[in-house]
Amino acid sequence: MPASPDPGFVFSGAVVEWRGPAPFVFLEVPAGTSDDIKDAARGQEYWGQVAVDVRIGDTDFRTALFPKDGRYLVPLKVAVRRAEGIEVGQELAATLDLAPRS
C-alpha cells in the first residue's frame, strides 16, 4: 500500500471464525468505521462488497470487505494470518484504504 497523506480508515476489531460449509477467518470492522466506509465507497460496491487495500502489522494485501449485519468483515487469508501470527479471538489493529477502481 503506497504511503499517502490520508491514513485511510484505522481501526481495531476482533478476529472471528465463520463456521459454514467452508470455514473462514475475518477481522470485524466496528460499526462506526463500517458506516464511514459505506459512505466513502458509495458507487464502488459490487454485490455489497467493497475492494480495499489493507495493512495489518507489516503485511499489505488487497481483498474485498464482506457486509454482515450492517458492518463489514475483512477476510484474513492463511498467508496473512501466518505472516502476522493472527489467532481467532485476538484483537487486531488495521489500516484500510478503498482500492482504486480499475
Protein backbone atom coordinates (compact mmCIF):
# COMPACT_ATOMS: atom_id res chain seq x y z
CA MET A 1 0.00 0.00 0.00
CA PRO A 2 1.67 3.25 -1.04
CA ALA A 3 2.15 5.88 1.64
CA SER A 4 -0.28 8.76 1.38
CA PRO A 5 -1.07 11.83 3.47
CA ASP A 6 -4.51 10.29 4.19
CA PRO A 7 -4.12 7.34 6.56
CA GLY A 8 -7.41 5.83 5.36
CA PHE A 9 -9.53 4.03 7.91
CA VAL A 10 -7.66 2.98 11.05
CA PHE A 11 -9.47 0.65 13.44
CA SER A 12 -9.22 -2.31 15.82
CA GLY A 13 -11.52 -5.28 15.82
CA ALA A 14 -11.89 -8.89 16.90
CA VAL A 15 -10.70 -11.81 14.80
CA VAL A 16 -13.62 -14.21 14.36
CA GLU A 17 -14.19 -17.53 12.64
CA TRP A 18 -17.23 -18.10 10.46
CA ARG A 19 -18.29 -21.73 10.58
CA GLY A 20 -20.05 -22.58 7.35
CA PRO A 21 -19.55 -25.12 4.61
CA ALA A 22 -16.08 -23.55 4.17
CA PRO A 23 -14.83 -22.06 7.47
CA PHE A 24 -13.09 -18.71 7.15
CA VAL A 25 -11.47 -16.17 9.46
CA PHE A 26 -12.39 -12.47 9.42
CA LEU A 27 -11.48 -9.23 11.16
CA GLU A 28 -14.61 -7.39 12.34
CA VAL A 29 -14.80 -3.72 11.34
CA PRO A 30 -16.51 -1.62 14.07
CA ALA A 31 -19.98 -0.24 13.28
CA GLY A 32 -18.90 3.43 13.10
CA THR A 33 -15.97 2.66 10.79
CA SER A 34 -18.24 0.44 8.67
CA ASP A 35 -20.66 3.36 8.28
CA ASP A 36 -17.79 5.65 7.22
CA ILE A 37 -16.55 3.09 4.68
CA LYS A 38 -20.04 2.58 3.29
CA ASP A 39 -20.42 6.35 2.78
CA ALA A 40 -16.98 6.68 1.16
CA ALA A 41 -17.49 3.62 -1.08
CA ARG A 42 -20.90 4.61 -2.46
CA GLY A 43 -20.92 3.59 -6.11
CA GLN A 44 -17.85 1.36 -5.72
CA GLU A 45 -19.65 -1.64 -4.22
CA TYR A 46 -20.23 -4.88 -6.10
CA TRP A 47 -22.89 -7.14 -4.61
CA GLY A 48 -22.35 -5.31 -1.31
CA GLN A 49 -18.60 -5.99 -1.31
CA VAL A 50 -16.02 -3.20 -1.34
CA ALA A 51 -12.48 -3.64 -2.77
CA VAL A 52 -9.85 -2.45 -0.29
CA ASP A 53 -6.12 -2.37 0.40
CA VAL A 54 -5.36 -3.47 3.96
CA ARG A 55 -2.31 -3.25 6.20
CA ILE A 56 -2.03 -5.42 9.29
CA GLY A 57 1.35 -5.19 11.00
CA ASP A 58 3.94 -5.43 8.22
CA THR A 59 1.61 -7.21 5.78
CA ASP A 60 -0.21 -5.43 2.94
CA PHE A 61 -2.90 -7.14 0.89
CA ARG A 62 -5.90 -6.44 -1.33
CA THR A 63 -9.26 -8.03 -0.60
CA ALA A 64 -12.97 -7.28 -0.63
CA LEU A 65 -14.95 -6.44 2.50
CA PHE A 66 -17.96 -8.65 3.19
CA PRO A 67 -21.14 -7.00 4.53
CA LYS A 68 -22.62 -8.70 7.61
CA ASP A 69 -25.35 -7.38 9.91
CA GLY A 70 -24.76 -3.74 8.92
CA ARG A 71 -20.99 -3.97 9.35
CA TYR A 72 -18.07 -5.14 7.26
CA LEU A 73 -15.73 -8.10 7.72
CA VAL A 74 -12.16 -8.24 6.39
CA PRO A 75 -11.32 -11.77 5.15
CA LEU A 76 -7.97 -12.96 6.53
CA LYS A 77 -6.21 -15.47 4.27
CA VAL A 78 -3.99 -18.14 5.80
CA ALA A 79 -0.86 -16.43 4.39
CA VAL A 80 -1.75 -13.17 6.19
CA ARG A 81 -2.58 -14.95 9.45
CA ARG A 82 0.69 -16.88 9.38
CA ALA A 83 2.79 -13.83 8.49
CA GLU A 84 1.36 -11.84 11.41
CA GLY A 85 0.73 -14.66 13.92
CA ILE A 86 -3.01 -13.95 13.95
CA GLU A 87 -5.31 -16.17 16.05
CA VAL A 88 -9.10 -16.32 16.36
CA GLY A 89 -10.24 -14.25 19.37
CA GLN A 90 -7.36 -11.79 19.10
CA GLU A 91 -7.96 -8.01 18.98
CA LEU A 92 -6.20 -6.61 15.94
CA ALA A 93 -5.37 -3.14 14.55
CA ALA A 94 -5.63 -2.50 10.80
CA THR A 95 -5.44 0.31 8.26
CA LEU A 96 -7.72 0.14 5.26
CA ASP A 97 -7.95 2.19 2.05
CA LEU A 98 -10.51 1.91 -0.72
CA ALA A 99 -8.83 0.18 -3.67
CA PRO A 100 -8.58 2.27 -6.83
CA ARG A 101 -11.17 1.40 -9.44
CA SER A 102 -9.74 -0.32 -12.47
